[in-house]
Structures are given as C-alpha cells and as structure tokens.
Amino acid sequence: MVVVRLARGGAKKRPFYNMVVADSRRHRDGKFIERVGFYNPRATGGEESLRIQMDRLNHWQSQGAQLSSTVSRLVKQFGRQQKPA
C-alpha cells in the first residue's frame, strides 16, 4: 500500500520532516517515491514551517494513497493557513 507520511531529517534535537509518498513496507526514512512537502516544527520568526504541494497530494490520494494520522492533521492545518491569504 502507498502512504503519505513524514520522513525525519535534520540534526539531533533539531527535527525537520519531509512529507513523502512511500511504500508502507519501507522504513520511515528509507526510499520514497516522491517528496510532496515539508514540515519544520522548530521554525521561528519569518521561516516557513509547512509547505505542501496540494496538486501532487491530491494526485496520490486519487491513486489510492493513504495519509498517515500526522499528515492528515498537517493537511488540515495547511488548509486553515491558506484560507485567510
């Protein structure tokens, strides 16, 4: 099954997550099919903390990809950020 999930990157104690489309049998930070965004929980000031390519995410969902619980929460958060703009 294909899933959209977060792959951890960054240094120790400084997490950075790539939102990736991957086979569910692969490791969390292993090989992935496509990168569709990122999440930086430590973003401060004017730094961008969340970016999602919604067109690619919708494409993968139409192909049957499932969102992880964290990714679905972030997609909702991203939608709320985009409405006022």
C-alpha atoms as a PDB file:
ATOM      1  CA  MET A   1       0.000   0.000   0.000  1.00  0.00           C
ATOM      2  CA  VAL A   2       1.193   3.519  -0.760  1.00  0.00           C
ATOM      3  CA  VAL A   3       1.157   6.007   2.121  1.00  0.00           C
ATOM      4  CA  VAL A   4       1.921   9.691   2.574  1.00  0.00           C
ATOM      5  CA  ARG A   5       3.969  10.115   5.731  1.00  0.00           C
ATOM      6  CA  LEU A   6       6.735  12.130   7.364  1.00  0.00           C
ATOM      7  CA  ALA A   7      10.402  11.195   6.970  1.00  0.00           C
ATOM      8  CA  ARG A   8      12.655  12.679   9.627  1.00  0.00           C
ATOM      9  CA  GLY A   9      15.730  14.676   8.777  1.00  0.00           C
ATOM     10  CA  GLY A  10      17.770  17.374  10.481  1.00  0.00           C
ATOM     11  CA  ALA A  11      20.317  17.252  13.254  1.00  0.00           C
ATOM     12  CA  LYS A  12      19.981  15.793  16.719  1.00  0.00           C
ATOM     13  CA  LYS A  13      17.382  17.746  18.731  1.00  0.00           C
ATOM     14  CA  ARG A  14      16.569  19.808  15.583  1.00  0.00           C
ATOM     15  CA  PRO A  15      13.930  17.806  13.701  1.00  0.00           C
ATOM     16  CA  PHE A  16      12.897  18.540  10.125  1.00  0.00           C
ATOM     17  CA  TYR A  17      10.375  16.377   8.310  1.00  0.00           C
ATOM     18  CA  ASN A  18       9.887  15.757   4.606  1.00  0.00           C
ATOM     19  CA  MET A  19       6.377  14.773   3.577  1.00  0.00           C
ATOM     20  CA  VAL A  20       6.902  11.826   1.251  1.00  0.00           C
ATOM     21  CA  VAL A  21       4.884   9.299  -0.732  1.00  0.00           C
ATOM     22  CA  ALA A  22       6.283   5.857   0.020  1.00  0.00           C
ATOM     23  CA  ASP A  23       5.502   2.157   0.031  1.00  0.00           C
ATOM     24  CA  SER A  24       4.240   1.236   3.504  1.00  0.00           C
ATOM     25  CA  ARG A  25       6.742  -1.643   3.720  1.00  0.00           C
ATOM     26  CA  ARG A  26       9.727   0.732   3.516  1.00  0.00           C
ATOM     27  CA  HIS A  27      11.492   2.183   6.541  1.00  0.00           C
ATOM     28  CA  ARG A  28      10.383   5.569   7.857  1.00  0.00           C
ATOM     29  CA  ASP A  29      13.426   7.369   6.449  1.00  0.00           C
ATOM     30  CA  GLY A  30      14.030   4.903   3.615  1.00  0.00           C
ATOM     31  CA  LYS A  31      13.441   5.037  -0.104  1.00  0.00           C
ATOM     32  CA  PHE A  32      10.399   7.039  -1.199  1.00  0.00           C
ATOM     33  CA  ILE A  33       8.505   7.658  -4.428  1.00  0.00           C
ATOM     34  CA  GLU A  34       8.048  11.427  -4.314  1.00  0.00           C
ATOM     35  CA  ARG A  35       8.532  14.348  -1.918  1.00  0.00           C
ATOM     36  CA  VAL A  36       5.355  16.436  -1.685  1.00  0.00           C
ATOM     37  CA  GLY A  37       6.225  18.918   1.057  1.00  0.00           C
ATOM     38  CA  PHE A  38       7.945  19.568   4.360  1.00  0.00           C
ATOM     39  CA  TYR A  39       7.208  20.355   7.981  1.00  0.00           C
ATOM     40  CA  ASN A  40       9.584  22.268  10.240  1.00  0.00           C
ATOM     41  CA  PRO A  41       8.271  22.199  13.823  1.00  0.00           C
ATOM     42  CA  ARG A  42      11.156  24.409  15.008  1.00  0.00           C
ATOM     43  CA  ALA A  43      10.502  27.277  12.554  1.00  0.00           C
ATOM     44  CA  THR A  44      10.790  30.705  14.163  1.00  0.00           C
ATOM     45  CA  GLY A  45      10.090  34.228  13.031  1.00  0.00           C
ATOM     46  CA  GLY A  46       9.569  34.545   9.287  1.00  0.00           C
ATOM     47  CA  GLU A  47      10.619  30.996   8.460  1.00  0.00           C
ATOM     48  CA  GLU A  48       8.127  28.819   6.629  1.00  0.00           C
ATOM     49  CA  SER A  49       7.073  25.912   8.843  1.00  0.00           C
ATOM     50  CA  LEU A  50       4.813  23.986   6.484  1.00  0.00           C
ATOM     51  CA  ARG A  51       4.648  23.604   2.710  1.00  0.00           C
ATOM     52  CA  ILE A  52       2.532  21.086   0.822  1.00  0.00           C
ATOM     53  CA  GLN A  53       2.137  20.644  -2.936  1.00  0.00           C
ATOM     54  CA  MET A  54      -1.622  20.090  -2.826  1.00  0.00           C
ATOM     55  CA  ASP A  55      -1.892  19.176  -6.517  1.00  0.00           C
ATOM     56  CA  ARG A  56       0.578  16.287  -6.081  1.00  0.00           C
ATOM     57  CA  LEU A  57      -1.029  15.233  -2.788  1.00  0.00           C
ATOM     58  CA  ASN A  58      -4.466  15.122  -4.434  1.00  0.00           C
ATOM     59  CA  HIS A  59      -2.994  13.141  -7.334  1.00  0.00           C
ATOM     60  CA  TRP A  60      -1.617  10.485  -4.995  1.00  0.00           C
ATOM     61  CA  GLN A  61      -4.830  10.322  -2.997  1.00  0.00           C
ATOM     62  CA  SER A  62      -6.736   9.736  -6.233  1.00  0.00           C
ATOM     63  CA  GLN A  63      -4.322   6.860  -6.948  1.00  0.00           C
ATOM     64  CA  GLY A  64      -5.263   5.288  -3.594  1.00  0.00           C
ATOM     65  CA  ALA A  65      -2.530   6.571  -1.269  1.00  0.00           C
ATOM     66  CA  GLN A  66      -3.483   6.750   2.406  1.00  0.00           C
ATOM     67  CA  LEU A  67      -2.479   9.667   4.645  1.00  0.00           C
ATOM     68  CA  SER A  68      -0.855   8.979   7.992  1.00  0.00           C
ATOM     69  CA  SER A  69      -2.623  10.487  11.003  1.00  0.00           C
ATOM     70  CA  THR A  70       0.045  13.177  11.401  1.00  0.00           C
ATOM     71  CA  VAL A  71      -0.031  14.099   7.720  1.00  0.00           C
ATOM     72  CA  SER A  72      -3.836  14.390   7.728  1.00  0.00           C
ATOM     73  CA  ARG A  73      -3.580  16.749  10.727  1.00  0.00           C
ATOM     74  CA  LEU A  74      -0.967  18.855   8.917  1.00  0.00           C
ATOM     75  CA  VAL A  75      -3.059  18.998   5.726  1.00  0.00           C
ATOM     76  CA  LYS A  76      -5.987  20.394   7.735  1.00  0.00           C
ATOM     77  CA  GLN A  77      -3.644  22.916   9.366  1.00  0.00           C
ATOM     78  CA  PHE A  78      -2.266  23.910   5.946  1.00  0.00           C
ATOM     79  CA  GLY A  79      -5.815  24.427   4.645  1.00  0.00           C
ATOM     80  CA  ARG A  80      -6.597  26.770   7.534  1.00  0.00           C
ATOM     81  CA  GLN A  81      -3.398  28.746   6.812  1.00  0.00           C
ATOM     82  CA  GLN A  82      -4.313  29.167   3.144  1.00  0.00           C
ATOM     83  CA  LYS A  83      -7.901  30.425   3.673  1.00  0.00           C
ATOM     84  CA  PRO A  84      -7.069  33.921   5.052  1.00  0.00           C
ATOM     85  CA  ALA A  85      -4.451  34.534   2.349  1.00  0.00           C
END
